[in-house]
């Protein structure tokens, strides 16, 4: 009787470890998202979406990509997405999640004019 209880306990313990491993592996795969990068000019804006025209270096063709901003998107040289204008040059780090390009970080290039460089 003791032997059966011991074998049953060991079996449940192994099963528990396997289930824990499977769930922790799924969480790890979800947490690790490959960061993509694009640099180009803004050609369209729509609420929280930015369309950027960029040069695809692999095909040497101009392409467009639409990127969605969310509450976790961080910005450089601006505070809000509403400050981005058509024609701005941007660098965007994004992840692909459920078929959408989600912006993680957007940097808007600010070109200083000659007057700004001369004046202190």
PDB file of N, CA and C in Angstrom:
ATOM      1  N   UNK A   1       0.815  -1.184   0.000  1.00  0.00           N
ATOM      2  CA  UNK A   1       0.000   0.000   0.000  1.00  0.00           C
ATOM      3  C   UNK A   1       0.866   1.258   0.000  1.00  0.00           C
ATOM      4  N   UNK A   2       1.903   1.253   0.831  1.00  0.00           N
ATOM      5  CA  UNK A   2       2.812   2.396   0.906  1.00  0.00           C
ATOM      6  C   UNK A   2       3.525   2.598  -0.425  1.00  0.00           C
ATOM      7  N   UNK A   3       3.890   1.476  -1.064  1.00  0.00           N
ATOM      8  CA  UNK A   3       4.596   1.526  -2.340  1.00  0.00           C
ATOM      9  C   UNK A   3       3.714   2.169  -3.421  1.00  0.00           C
ATOM     10  N   UNK A   4       2.441   1.826  -3.441  1.00  0.00           N
ATOM     11  CA  UNK A   4       1.511   2.399  -4.428  1.00  0.00           C
ATOM     12  C   UNK A   4       1.334   3.902  -4.190  1.00  0.00           C
ATOM     13  N   UNK A   5       1.230   4.286  -2.939  1.00  0.00           N
ATOM     14  CA  UNK A   5       1.066   5.703  -2.610  1.00  0.00           C
ATOM     15  C   UNK A   5       2.306   6.496  -3.024  1.00  0.00           C
ATOM     16  N   UNK A   6       3.481   5.913  -2.816  1.00  0.00           N
ATOM     17  CA  UNK A   6       4.737   6.569  -3.184  1.00  0.00           C
ATOM     18  C   UNK A   6       4.828   6.733  -4.699  1.00  0.00           C
ATOM     19  N   UNK A   7       4.491   5.697  -5.446  1.00  0.00           N
ATOM     20  CA  UNK A   7       4.532   5.747  -6.910  1.00  0.00           C
ATOM     21  C   UNK A   7       3.522   6.773  -7.422  1.00  0.00           C
ATOM     22  N   UNK A   8       2.328   6.784  -6.836  1.00  0.00           N
ATOM     23  CA  UNK A   8       1.307   7.748  -7.231  1.00  0.00           C
ATOM     24  C   UNK A   8       1.767   9.176  -6.935  1.00  0.00           C
ATOM     25  N   UNK A   9       2.384   9.400  -5.799  1.00  0.00           N
ATOM     26  CA  UNK A   9       2.886  10.729  -5.435  1.00  0.00           C
ATOM     27  C   UNK A   9       3.976  11.188  -6.399  1.00  0.00           C
ATOM     28  N   UNK A  10       4.905  10.286  -6.729  1.00  0.00           N
ATOM     29  CA  UNK A  10       5.968  10.621  -7.672  1.00  0.00           C
ATOM     30  C   UNK A  10       5.402  10.930  -9.059  1.00  0.00           C
ATOM     31  N   UNK A  11       4.413  10.162  -9.486  1.00  0.00           N
ATOM     32  CA  UNK A  11       3.778  10.396 -10.780  1.00  0.00           C
ATOM     33  C   UNK A  11       3.104  11.757 -10.840  1.00  0.00           C
ATOM     34  N   UNK A  12       2.393  12.122  -9.780  1.00  0.00           N
ATOM     35  CA  UNK A  12       1.734  13.428  -9.733  1.00  0.00           C
ATOM     36  C   UNK A  12       2.757  14.564  -9.712  1.00  0.00           C
ATOM     37  N   UNK A  13       3.868  14.333  -9.024  1.00  0.00           N
ATOM     38  CA  UNK A  13       4.901  15.355  -8.962  1.00  0.00           C
ATOM     39  C   UNK A  13       5.517  15.579 -10.352  1.00  0.00           C
ATOM     40  N   UNK A  14       5.798  14.521 -11.088  1.00  0.00           N
ATOM     41  CA  UNK A  14       6.352  14.635 -12.441  1.00  0.00           C
ATOM     42  C   UNK A  14       5.350  15.326 -13.366  1.00  0.00           C
ATOM     43  N   UNK A  15       4.086  14.957 -13.268  1.00  0.00           N
ATOM     44  CA  UNK A  15       3.044  15.582 -14.073  1.00  0.00           C
ATOM     45  C   UNK A  15       2.954  17.079 -13.764  1.00  0.00           C
ATOM     46  N   UNK A  16       3.032  17.424 -12.495  1.00  0.00           N
ATOM     47  CA  UNK A  16       2.973  18.825 -12.080  1.00  0.00           C
ATOM     48  C   UNK A  16       4.146  19.618 -12.654  1.00  0.00           C
ATOM     49  N   UNK A  17       5.332  19.044 -12.636  1.00  0.00           N
ATOM     50  CA  UNK A  17       6.511  19.708 -13.190  1.00  0.00           C
ATOM     51  C   UNK A  17       6.362  19.919 -14.694  1.00  0.00           C
ATOM     52  N   UNK A  18       5.835  18.929 -15.410  1.00  0.00           N
ATOM     53  CA  UNK A  18       5.643  19.055 -16.861  1.00  0.00           C
ATOM     54  C   UNK A  18       4.649  20.159 -17.185  1.00  0.00           C
ATOM     55  N   UNK A  19       3.550  20.236 -16.457  1.00  0.00           N
ATOM     56  CA  UNK A  19       2.539  21.271 -16.693  1.00  0.00           C
ATOM     57  C   UNK A  19       3.137  22.646 -16.398  1.00  0.00           C
ATOM     58  N   UNK A  20       3.884  22.771 -15.320  1.00  0.00           N
ATOM     59  CA  UNK A  20       4.520  24.048 -14.982  1.00  0.00           C
ATOM     60  C   UNK A  20       5.491  24.466 -16.068  1.00  0.00           C
ATOM     61  N   UNK A  21       6.266  23.541 -16.583  1.00  0.00           N
ATOM     62  CA  UNK A  21       7.231  23.831 -17.639  1.00  0.00           C
ATOM     63  C   UNK A  21       6.524  24.315 -18.905  1.00  0.00           C
ATOM     64  N   UNK A  22       5.436  23.651 -19.275  1.00  0.00           N
ATOM     65  CA  UNK A  22       4.703  24.028 -20.486  1.00  0.00           C
ATOM     66  C   UNK A  22       4.160  25.447 -20.357  1.00  0.00           C
ATOM     67  N   UNK A  23       3.555  25.792 -19.209  1.00  0.00           N
ATOM     68  CA  UNK A  23       3.008  27.131 -19.034  1.00  0.00           C
ATOM     69  C   UNK A  23       4.110  28.177 -18.983  1.00  0.00           C
ATOM     70  N   UNK A  24       5.217  27.897 -18.326  1.00  0.00           N
ATOM     71  CA  UNK A  24       6.294  28.878 -18.267  1.00  0.00           C
ATOM     72  C   UNK A  24       6.922  29.062 -19.639  1.00  0.00           C
ATOM     73  N   UNK A  25       6.975  28.013 -20.459  1.00  0.00           N
ATOM     74  CA  UNK A  25       7.525  28.110 -21.801  1.00  0.00           C
ATOM     75  C   UNK A  25       6.614  28.979 -22.674  1.00  0.00           C
ATOM     76  N   UNK A  26       5.302  28.844 -22.560  1.00  0.00           N
ATOM     77  CA  UNK A  26       4.367  29.658 -23.331  1.00  0.00           C
ATOM     78  C   UNK A  26       4.497  31.127 -22.946  1.00  0.00           C
ATOM     79  N   UNK A  27       4.608  31.422 -21.666  1.00  0.00           N
ATOM     80  CA  UNK A  27       4.764  32.801 -21.226  1.00  0.00           C
ATOM     81  C   UNK A  27       6.047  33.392 -21.764  1.00  0.00           C
ATOM     82  N   UNK A  28       7.140  32.634 -21.748  1.00  0.00           N
ATOM     83  CA  UNK A  28       8.419  33.116 -22.234  1.00  0.00           C
ATOM     84  C   UNK A  28       8.342  33.424 -23.720  1.00  0.00           C
ATOM     85  N   UNK A  29       7.699  32.569 -24.517  1.00  0.00           N
ATOM     86  CA  UNK A  29       7.588  32.804 -25.947  1.00  0.00           C
ATOM     87  C   UNK A  29       6.762  34.048 -26.226  1.00  0.00           C
ATOM     88  N   UNK A  30       5.719  34.320 -25.435  1.00  0.00           N
ATOM     89  CA  UNK A  30       4.906  35.507 -25.626  1.00  0.00           C
ATOM     90  C   UNK A  30       5.665  36.766 -25.236  1.00  0.00           C
ATOM     91  N   UNK A  31       6.494  36.680 -24.192  1.00  0.00           N
ATOM     92  CA  UNK A  31       7.228  37.839 -23.723  1.00  0.00           C
ATOM     93  C   UNK A  31       8.327  38.241 -24.695  1.00  0.00           C
ATOM     94  N   UNK A  32       8.899  37.291 -25.427  1.00  0.00           N
ATOM     95  CA  UNK A  32       9.989  37.565 -26.349  1.00  0.00           C
ATOM     96  C   UNK A  32       9.400  37.885 -27.713  1.00  0.00           C
ATOM     97  N   UNK A  33       9.449  39.158 -28.070  1.00  0.00           N
ATOM     98  CA  UNK A  33       8.969  39.591 -29.369  1.00  0.00           C
ATOM     99  C   UNK A  33      10.153  40.191 -30.123  1.00  0.00           C
ATOM    100  N   UNK A  34      10.292  39.805 -31.370  1.00  0.00           N
ATOM    101  CA  UNK A  34      11.394  40.314 -32.169  1.00  0.00           C
ATOM    102  C   UNK A  34      11.106  41.755 -32.553  1.00  0.00           C
ATOM    103  N   UNK A  35      12.051  42.640 -32.264  1.00  0.00           N
ATOM    104  CA  UNK A  35      11.889  44.047 -32.583  1.00  0.00           C
ATOM    105  C   UNK A  35      12.355  44.282 -34.016  1.00  0.00           C
ATOM    106  N   UNK A  36      11.480  44.889 -34.796  1.00  0.00           N
ATOM    107  CA  UNK A  36      11.780  45.264 -36.172  1.00  0.00           C
ATOM    108  C   UNK A  36      12.087  46.763 -36.173  1.00  0.00           C
ATOM    109  N   UNK A  37      12.669  47.256 -37.279  1.00  0.00           N
ATOM    110  CA  UNK A  37      13.027  48.659 -37.359  1.00  0.00           C
ATOM    111  C   UNK A  37      12.745  49.172 -38.755  1.00  0.00           C
ATOM    112  N   UNK A  38      12.250  50.395 -38.846  1.00  0.00           N
ATOM    113  CA  UNK A  38      12.032  51.032 -40.147  1.00  0.00           C
ATOM    114  C   UNK A  38      12.370  52.513 -40.013  1.00  0.00           C
ATOM    115  N   UNK A  39      12.915  53.060 -41.084  1.00  0.00           N
ATOM    116  CA  UNK A  39      13.222  54.487 -41.144  1.00  0.00           C
ATOM    117  C   UNK A  39      12.699  55.014 -42.459  1.00  0.00           C
ATOM    118  N   UNK A  40      11.972  56.129 -42.418  1.00  0.00           N
ATOM    119  CA  UNK A  40      11.454  56.703 -43.648  1.00  0.00           C
ATOM    120  C   UNK A  40      10.652  57.958 -43.379  1.00  0.00           C
ATOM    121  N   UNK A  41       9.838  58.330 -44.365  1.00  0.00           N
ATOM    122  CA  UNK A  41       9.050  59.553 -44.285  1.00  0.00           C
ATOM    123  C   UNK A  41       7.580  59.229 -44.076  1.00  0.00           C
ATOM    124  N   UNK A  42       6.941  59.991 -43.207  1.00  0.00           N
ATOM    125  CA  UNK A  42       5.518  59.819 -42.932  1.00  0.00           C
ATOM    126  C   UNK A  42       4.733  60.285 -44.162  1.00  0.00           C
ATOM    127  N   UNK A  43       3.861  59.410 -44.680  1.00  0.00           N
ATOM    128  CA  UNK A  43       3.037  59.764 -45.835  1.00  0.00           C
ATOM    129  C   UNK A  43       1.555  59.855 -45.473  1.00  0.00           C
ATOM    130  N   UNK A  44       1.152  59.321 -44.323  1.00  0.00           N
ATOM    131  CA  UNK A  44      -0.245  59.404 -43.898  1.00  0.00           C
ATOM    132  C   UNK A  44      -0.342  59.208 -42.393  1.00  0.00           C
ATOM    133  N   UNK A  45      -1.353  59.854 -41.807  1.00  0.00           N
ATOM    134  CA  UNK A  45      -1.644  59.733 -40.378  1.00  0.00           C
ATOM    135  C   UNK A  45      -3.132  59.520 -40.211  1.00  0.00           C
ATOM    136  N   UNK A  46      -3.498  58.653 -39.272  1.00  0.00           N
ATOM    137  CA  UNK A  46      -4.915  58.416 -38.990  1.00  0.00           C
ATOM    138  C   UNK A  46      -5.041  58.006 -37.530  1.00  0.00           C
ATOM    139  N   UNK A  47      -5.443  58.929 -36.677  1.00  0.00           N
ATOM    140  CA  UNK A  47      -5.570  58.730 -35.233  1.00  0.00           C
ATOM    141  C   UNK A  47      -4.302  58.134 -34.643  1.00  0.00           C
ATOM    142  N   UNK A  48      -4.280  56.824 -34.434  1.00  0.00           N
ATOM    143  CA  UNK A  48      -3.115  56.192 -33.807  1.00  0.00           C
ATOM    144  C   UNK A  48      -2.289  55.386 -34.808  1.00  0.00           C
ATOM    145  N   UNK A  49      -2.484  55.621 -36.100  1.00  0.00           N
ATOM    146  CA  UNK A  49      -1.767  54.875 -37.134  1.00  0.00           C
ATOM    147  C   UNK A  49      -0.892  55.817 -37.957  1.00  0.00           C
ATOM    148  N   UNK A  50       0.302  55.343 -38.267  1.00  0.00           N
ATOM    149  CA  UNK A  50       1.244  56.109 -39.081  1.00  0.00           C
ATOM    150  C   UNK A  50       1.634  55.249 -40.273  1.00  0.00           C
ATOM    151  N   UNK A  51       1.591  55.817 -41.474  1.00  0.00           N
ATOM    152  CA  UNK A  51       2.066  55.123 -42.659  1.00  0.00           C
ATOM    153  C   UNK A  51       3.383  55.762 -43.071  1.00  0.00           C
ATOM    154  N   UNK A  52       4.403  54.930 -43.242  1.00  0.00           N
ATOM    155  CA  UNK A  52       5.748  55.397 -43.546  1.00  0.00           C
ATOM    156  C   UNK A  52       6.200  54.808 -44.878  1.00  0.00           C
ATOM    157  N   UNK A  53       6.757  55.664 -45.733  1.00  0.00           N
ATOM    158  CA  UNK A  53       7.380  55.204 -46.976  1.00  0.00           C
ATOM    159  C   UNK A  53       8.872  55.030 -46.684  1.00  0.00           C
ATOM    160  N   UNK A  54       9.398  53.859 -47.045  1.00  0.00           N
ATOM    161  CA  UNK A  54      10.798  53.549 -46.743  1.00  0.00           C
ATOM    162  C   UNK A  54      11.420  52.787 -47.914  1.00  0.00           C
ATOM    163  N   UNK A  55      12.734  52.711 -47.921  1.00  0.00           N
ATOM    164  CA  UNK A  55      13.450  51.954 -48.931  1.00  0.00           C
ATOM    165  C   UNK A  55      13.754  50.571 -48.374  1.00  0.00           C
ATOM    166  N   UNK A  56      13.266  49.545 -49.050  1.00  0.00           N
ATOM    167  CA  UNK A  56      13.561  48.158 -48.677  1.00  0.00           C
ATOM    168  C   UNK A  56      14.927  47.830 -49.275  1.00  0.00           C
ATOM    169  N   UNK A  57      15.927  47.714 -48.423  1.00  0.00           N
ATOM    170  CA  UNK A  57      17.299  47.518 -48.886  1.00  0.00           C
ATOM    171  C   UNK A  57      17.511  46.159 -49.548  1.00  0.00           C
ATOM    172  N   UNK A  58      16.696  45.190 -49.215  1.00  0.00           N
ATOM    173  CA  UNK A  58      16.832  43.871 -49.823  1.00  0.00           C
ATOM    174  C   UNK A  58      16.370  43.862 -51.280  1.00  0.00           C
ATOM    175  N   UNK A  59      15.295  44.596 -51.574  1.00  0.00           N
ATOM    176  CA  UNK A  59      14.749  44.611 -52.939  1.00  0.00           C
ATOM    177  C   UNK A  59      15.068  45.904 -53.677  1.00  0.00           C
ATOM    178  N   UNK A  60      15.626  46.888 -52.966  1.00  0.00           N
ATOM    179  CA  UNK A  60      15.942  48.198 -53.521  1.00  0.00           C
ATOM    180  C   UNK A  60      14.680  48.878 -54.084  1.00  0.00           C
ATOM    181  N   UNK A  61      13.544  48.672 -53.408  1.00  0.00           N
ATOM    182  CA  UNK A  61      12.274  49.261 -53.814  1.00  0.00           C
ATOM    183  C   UNK A  61      11.710  50.089 -52.675  1.00  0.00           C
ATOM    184  N   UNK A  62      10.982  51.148 -53.040  1.00  0.00           N
ATOM    185  CA  UNK A  62      10.270  51.906 -52.021  1.00  0.00           C
ATOM    186  C   UNK A  62       8.994  51.170 -51.656  1.00  0.00           C
ATOM    187  N   UNK A  63       8.726  51.096 -50.357  1.00  0.00           N
ATOM    188  CA  UNK A  63       7.533  50.418 -49.855  1.00  0.00           C
ATOM    189  C   UNK A  63       6.886  51.283 -48.791  1.00  0.00           C
ATOM    190  N   UNK A  64       5.684  50.902 -48.393  1.00  0.00           N
ATOM    191  CA  UNK A  64       4.992  51.582 -47.305  1.00  0.00           C
ATOM    192  C   UNK A  64       4.642  50.570 -46.221  1.00  0.00           C
ATOM    193  N   UNK A  65       4.669  51.053 -44.989  1.00  0.00           N
ATOM    194  CA  UNK A  65       4.299  50.217 -43.856  1.00  0.00           C
ATOM    195  C   UNK A  65       3.404  51.039 -42.938  1.00  0.00           C
ATOM    196  N   UNK A  66       2.386  50.413 -42.396  1.00  0.00           N
ATOM    197  CA  UNK A  66       1.503  51.065 -41.438  1.00  0.00           C
ATOM    198  C   UNK A  66       1.844  50.538 -40.041  1.00  0.00           C
ATOM    199  N   UNK A  67       2.025  51.464 -39.112  1.00  0.00           N
ATOM    200  CA  UNK A  67       2.387  51.128 -37.741  1.00  0.00           C
ATOM    201  C   UNK A  67       1.359  51.745 -36.808  1.00  0.00           C
ATOM    202  N   UNK A  68       0.931  50.977 -35.821  1.00  0.00           N
ATOM    203  CA  UNK A  68      -0.075  51.415 -34.848  1.00  0.00           C
ATOM    204  C   UNK A  68       0.619  51.796 -33.540  1.00  0.00           C
ATOM    205  N   UNK A  69       0.224  52.925 -32.984  1.00  0.00           N
ATOM    206  CA  UNK A  69       0.727  53.353 -31.671  1.00  0.00           C
ATOM    207  C   UNK A  69      -0.265  52.928 -30.603  1.00  0.00           C
ATOM    208  N   UNK A  70       0.261  52.569 -29.443  1.00  0.00           N
ATOM    209  CA  UNK A  70      -0.605  52.250 -28.312  1.00  0.00           C
ATOM    210  C   UNK A  70      -0.120  53.020 -27.091  1.00  0.00           C
ATOM    211  N   UNK A  71      -0.668  52.737 -25.946  1.00  0.00           N
ATOM    212  CA  UNK A  71      -0.312  53.477 -24.736  1.00  0.00           C
ATOM    213  C   UNK A  71       1.125  53.231 -24.291  1.00  0.00           C
ATOM    214  N   UNK A  72       1.745  52.172 -24.765  1.00  0.00           N
ATOM    215  CA  UNK A  72       3.115  51.852 -24.377  1.00  0.00           C
ATOM    216  C   UNK A  72       4.156  52.426 -25.328  1.00  0.00           C
ATOM    217  N   UNK A  73       3.724  53.037 -26.428  1.00  0.00           N
ATOM    218  CA  UNK A  73       4.657  53.605 -27.394  1.00  0.00           C
ATOM    219  C   UNK A  73       5.404  54.775 -26.765  1.00  0.00           C
ATOM    220  N   UNK A  74       6.725  54.762 -26.908  1.00  0.00           N
ATOM    221  CA  UNK A  74       7.564  55.843 -26.397  1.00  0.00           C
ATOM    222  C   UNK A  74       7.993  56.722 -27.567  1.00  0.00           C
ATOM    223  N   UNK A  75       8.238  58.016 -27.287  1.00  0.00           N
ATOM    224  CA  UNK A  75       8.582  58.972 -28.318  1.00  0.00           C
ATOM    225  C   UNK A  75       9.888  59.687 -27.998  1.00  0.00           C
ATOM    226  N   UNK A  76      10.552  60.148 -29.062  1.00  0.00           N
ATOM    227  CA  UNK A  76      11.749  60.973 -28.912  1.00  0.00           C
ATOM    228  C   UNK A  76      11.566  62.208 -29.800  1.00  0.00           C
ATOM    229  N   UNK A  77      11.869  63.364 -29.272  1.00  0.00           N
ATOM    230  CA  UNK A  77      11.750  64.664 -29.934  1.00  0.00           C
ATOM    231  C   UNK A  77      10.307  65.148 -30.053  1.00  0.00           C
ATOM    232  N   UNK A  78       9.361  64.384 -29.575  1.00  0.00           N
ATOM    233  CA  UNK A  78       7.954  64.788 -29.496  1.00  0.00           C
ATOM    234  C   UNK A  78       7.381  64.184 -28.220  1.00  0.00           C
ATOM    235  N   UNK A  79       6.196  64.655 -27.851  1.00  0.00           N
ATOM    236  CA  UNK A  79       5.533  64.113 -26.657  1.00  0.00           C
ATOM    237  C   UNK A  79       4.337  63.246 -26.997  1.00  0.00           C
ATOM    238  N   UNK A  80       3.650  63.610 -28.092  1.00  0.00           N
ATOM    239  CA  UNK A  80       2.426  62.922 -28.468  1.00  0.00           C
ATOM    240  C   UNK A  80       2.439  62.592 -29.959  1.00  0.00           C
ATOM    241  N   UNK A  81       1.699  61.568 -30.334  1.00  0.00           N
ATOM    242  CA  UNK A  81       1.597  61.190 -31.741  1.00  0.00           C
ATOM    243  C   UNK A  81       1.020  62.333 -32.581  1.00  0.00           C
ATOM    244  N   UNK A  82       0.180  63.177 -31.968  1.00  0.00           N
ATOM    245  CA  UNK A  82      -0.448  64.278 -32.703  1.00  0.00           C
ATOM    246  C   UNK A  82       0.568  65.315 -33.193  1.00  0.00           C
ATOM    247  N   UNK A  83       1.784  65.272 -32.658  1.00  0.00           N
ATOM    248  CA  UNK A  83       2.830  66.202 -33.095  1.00  0.00           C
ATOM    249  C   UNK A  83       3.511  65.740 -34.382  1.00  0.00           C
ATOM    250  N   UNK A  84       3.282  64.518 -34.798  1.00  0.00           N
ATOM    251  CA  UNK A  84       3.878  64.003 -36.032  1.00  0.00           C
ATOM    252  C   UNK A  84       3.105  64.567 -37.215  1.00  0.00           C
ATOM    253  N   UNK A  85       3.824  64.977 -38.233  1.00  0.00           N
ATOM    254  CA  UNK A  85       3.208  65.560 -39.419  1.00  0.00           C
ATOM    255  C   UNK A  85       3.619  64.771 -40.663  1.00  0.00           C
ATOM    256  N   UNK A  86       2.774  64.800 -41.693  1.00  0.00           N
ATOM    257  CA  UNK A  86       3.126  64.202 -42.981  1.00  0.00           C
ATOM    258  C   UNK A  86       4.398  64.894 -43.473  1.00  0.00           C
ATOM    259  N   UNK A  87       5.352  64.100 -43.924  1.00  0.00           N
ATOM    260  CA  UNK A  87       6.632  64.626 -44.390  1.00  0.00           C
ATOM    261  C   UNK A  87       7.745  64.483 -43.371  1.00  0.00           C
ATOM    262  N   UNK A  88       7.400  64.269 -42.086  1.00  0.00           N
ATOM    263  CA  UNK A  88       8.432  64.065 -41.061  1.00  0.00           C
ATOM    264  C   UNK A  88       9.208  62.791 -41.341  1.00  0.00           C
ATOM    265  N   UNK A  89      10.504  62.833 -41.064  1.00  0.00           N
ATOM    266  CA  UNK A  89      11.322  61.628 -41.123  1.00  0.00           C
ATOM    267  C   UNK A  89      11.290  60.972 -39.749  1.00  0.00           C
ATOM    268  N   UNK A  90      11.004  59.664 -39.727  1.00  0.00           N
ATOM    269  CA  UNK A  90      10.880  58.955 -38.462  1.00  0.00           C
ATOM    270  C   UNK A  90      11.691  57.664 -38.482  1.00  0.00           C
ATOM    271  N   UNK A  91      12.083  57.269 -37.306  1.00  0.00           N
ATOM    272  CA  UNK A  91      12.694  55.962 -37.080  1.00  0.00           C
ATOM    273  C   UNK A  91      11.773  55.254 -36.092  1.00  0.00           C
ATOM    274  N   UNK A  92      11.338  54.048 -36.449  1.00  0.00           N
ATOM    275  CA  UNK A  92      10.364  53.349 -35.610  1.00  0.00           C
ATOM    276  C   UNK A  92      10.848  51.950 -35.283  1.00  0.00           C
ATOM    277  N   UNK A  93      10.856  51.622 -33.998  1.00  0.00           N
ATOM    278  CA  UNK A  93      11.048  50.248 -33.532  1.00  0.00           C
ATOM    279  C   UNK A  93       9.659  49.690 -33.293  1.00  0.00           C
ATOM    280  N   UNK A  94       9.373  48.504 -33.833  1.00  0.00           N
ATOM    281  CA  UNK A  94       8.036  47.938 -33.692  1.00  0.00           C
ATOM    282  C   UNK A  94       8.109  46.424 -33.592  1.00  0.00           C
ATOM    283  N   UNK A  95       7.013  45.828 -33.133  1.00  0.00           N
ATOM    284  CA  UNK A  95       6.871  44.375 -33.080  1.00  0.00           C
ATOM    285  C   UNK A  95       5.632  44.007 -33.877  1.00  0.00           C
ATOM    286  N   UNK A  96       5.635  42.802 -34.408  1.00  0.00           N
ATOM    287  CA  UNK A  96       4.461  42.309 -35.125  1.00  0.00           C
ATOM    288  C   UNK A  96       3.687  41.441 -34.145  1.00  0.00           C
ATOM    289  N   UNK A  97       2.442  41.867 -33.869  1.00  0.00           N
ATOM    290  CA  UNK A  97       1.604  41.146 -32.914  1.00  0.00           C
ATOM    291  C   UNK A  97       0.221  40.978 -33.533  1.00  0.00           C
ATOM    292  N   UNK A  98      -0.187  39.731 -33.692  1.00  0.00           N
ATOM    293  CA  UNK A  98      -1.493  39.404 -34.267  1.00  0.00           C
ATOM    294  C   UNK A  98      -1.696  40.088 -35.622  1.00  0.00           C
ATOM    295  N   UNK A  99      -0.641  40.101 -36.422  1.00  0.00           N
ATOM    296  CA  UNK A  99      -0.721  40.646 -37.771  1.00  0.00           C
ATOM    297  C   UNK A  99      -0.642  42.162 -37.856  1.00  0.00           C
ATOM    298  N   UNK A 100      -0.442  42.843 -36.726  1.00  0.00           N
ATOM    299  CA  UNK A 100      -0.336  44.306 -36.722  1.00  0.00           C
ATOM    300  C   UNK A 100       1.065  44.715 -36.318  1.00  0.00           C
ATOM    301  N   UNK A 101       1.541  45.811 -36.899  1.00  0.00           N
ATOM    302  CA  UNK A 101       2.832  46.390 -36.541  1.00  0.00           C
ATOM    303  C   UNK A 101       2.596  47.378 -35.406  1.00  0.00           C
ATOM    304  N   UNK A 102       3.057  47.031 -34.202  1.00  0.00           N
ATOM    305  CA  UNK A 102       2.823  47.838 -33.011  1.00  0.00           C
ATOM    306  C   UNK A 102       4.103  48.604 -32.672  1.00  0.00           C
ATOM    307  N   UNK A 103       4.021  49.936 -32.697  1.00  0.00           N
ATOM    308  CA  UNK A 103       5.179  50.787 -32.423  1.00  0.00           C
ATOM    309  C   UNK A 103       5.579  50.693 -30.954  1.00  0.00           C
ATOM    310  N   UNK A 104       6.854  50.460 -30.719  1.00  0.00           N
ATOM    311  CA  UNK A 104       7.389  50.469 -29.360  1.00  0.00           C
ATOM    312  C   UNK A 104       8.078  51.808 -29.086  1.00  0.00           C
ATOM    313  N   UNK A 105       8.765  52.339 -30.137  1.00  0.00           N
ATOM    314  CA  UNK A 105       9.533  53.567 -29.985  1.00  0.00           C
ATOM    315  C   UNK A 105       9.521  54.316 -31.313  1.00  0.00           C
ATOM    316  N   UNK A 106       9.215  55.605 -31.261  1.00  0.00           N
ATOM    317  CA  UNK A 106       9.221  56.444 -32.462  1.00  0.00           C
ATOM    318  C   UNK A 106      10.092  57.664 -32.202  1.00  0.00           C
ATOM    319  N   UNK A 107      11.066  57.859 -33.078  1.00  0.00           N
ATOM    320  CA  UNK A 107      11.915  59.037 -33.014  1.00  0.00           C
ATOM    321  C   UNK A 107      11.654  59.875 -34.260  1.00  0.00           C
ATOM    322  N   UNK A 108      11.299  61.133 -34.044  1.00  0.00           N
ATOM    323  CA  UNK A 108      11.071  62.063 -35.156  1.00  0.00           C
ATOM    324  C   UNK A 108      12.332  62.895 -35.318  1.00  0.00           C
ATOM    325  N   UNK A 109      12.876  62.914 -36.547  1.00  0.00           N
ATOM    326  CA  UNK A 109      14.072  63.704 -36.805  1.00  0.00           C
ATOM    327  C   UNK A 109      13.707  65.174 -36.829  1.00  0.00           C
ATOM    328  N   UNK A 110      14.435  65.947 -36.088  1.00  0.00           N
ATOM    329  CA  UNK A 110      14.240  67.398 -36.073  1.00  0.00           C
ATOM    330  C   UNK A 110      15.485  68.023 -36.690  1.00  0.00           C
ATOM    331  N   UNK A 111      15.294  68.678 -37.822  1.00  0.00           N
ATOM    332  CA  UNK A 111      16.408  69.323 -38.502  1.00  0.00           C
ATOM    333  C   UNK A 111      16.462  70.760 -38.014  1.00  0.00           C
ATOM    334  N   UNK A 112      17.610  71.113 -37.440  1.00  0.00           N
ATOM    335  CA  UNK A 112      17.786  72.465 -36.940  1.00  0.00           C
ATOM    336  C   UNK A 112      18.102  73.387 -38.106  1.00  0.00           C
ATOM    337  N   UNK A 113      17.476  74.521 -38.095  1.00  0.00           N
ATOM    338  CA  UNK A 113      17.757  75.498 -39.150  1.00  0.00           C
ATOM    339  C   UNK A 113      19.063  76.213 -38.846  1.00  0.00           C
ATOM    340  N   UNK A 114      19.589  76.877 -39.841  1.00  0.00           N
ATOM    341  CA  UNK A 114      20.844  77.611 -39.686  1.00  0.00           C
ATOM    342  C   UNK A 114      20.719  78.668 -38.607  1.00  0.00           C
ATOM    343  N   UNK A 115      19.559  79.328 -38.516  1.00  0.00           N
ATOM    344  CA  UNK A 115      19.357  80.356 -37.492  1.00  0.00           C
ATOM    345  C   UNK A 115      19.438  79.759 -36.101  1.00  0.00           C
ATOM    346  N   UNK A 116      18.885  78.578 -35.903  1.00  0.00           N
ATOM    347  CA  UNK A 116      18.931  77.942 -34.586  1.00  0.00           C
ATOM    348  C   UNK A 116      20.351  77.576 -34.193  1.00  0.00           C
ATOM    349  N   UNK A 117      21.182  77.249 -35.181  1.00  0.00           N
ATOM    350  CA  UNK A 117      22.565  76.886 -34.890  1.00  0.00           C
ATOM    351  C   UNK A 117      23.391  78.100 -34.536  1.00  0.00           C
ATOM    352  N   UNK A 118      23.051  79.267 -35.136  1.00  0.00           N
ATOM    353  CA  UNK A 118      23.834  80.483 -34.897  1.00  0.00           C
ATOM    354  C   UNK A 118      23.444  81.126 -33.570  1.00  0.00           C
ATOM    355  N   UNK A 119      22.142  81.179 -33.292  1.00  0.00           N
ATOM    356  CA  UNK A 119      21.682  81.834 -32.072  1.00  0.00           C
ATOM    357  C   UNK A 119      21.874  80.919 -30.858  1.00  0.00           C
ATOM    358  N   UNK A 120      22.331  81.505 -29.740  1.00  0.00           N
ATOM    359  CA  UNK A 120      22.529  80.687 -28.538  1.00  0.00           C
ATOM    360  C   UNK A 120      21.249  80.253 -27.897  1.00  0.00           C
TER     361      UNK A 120
END
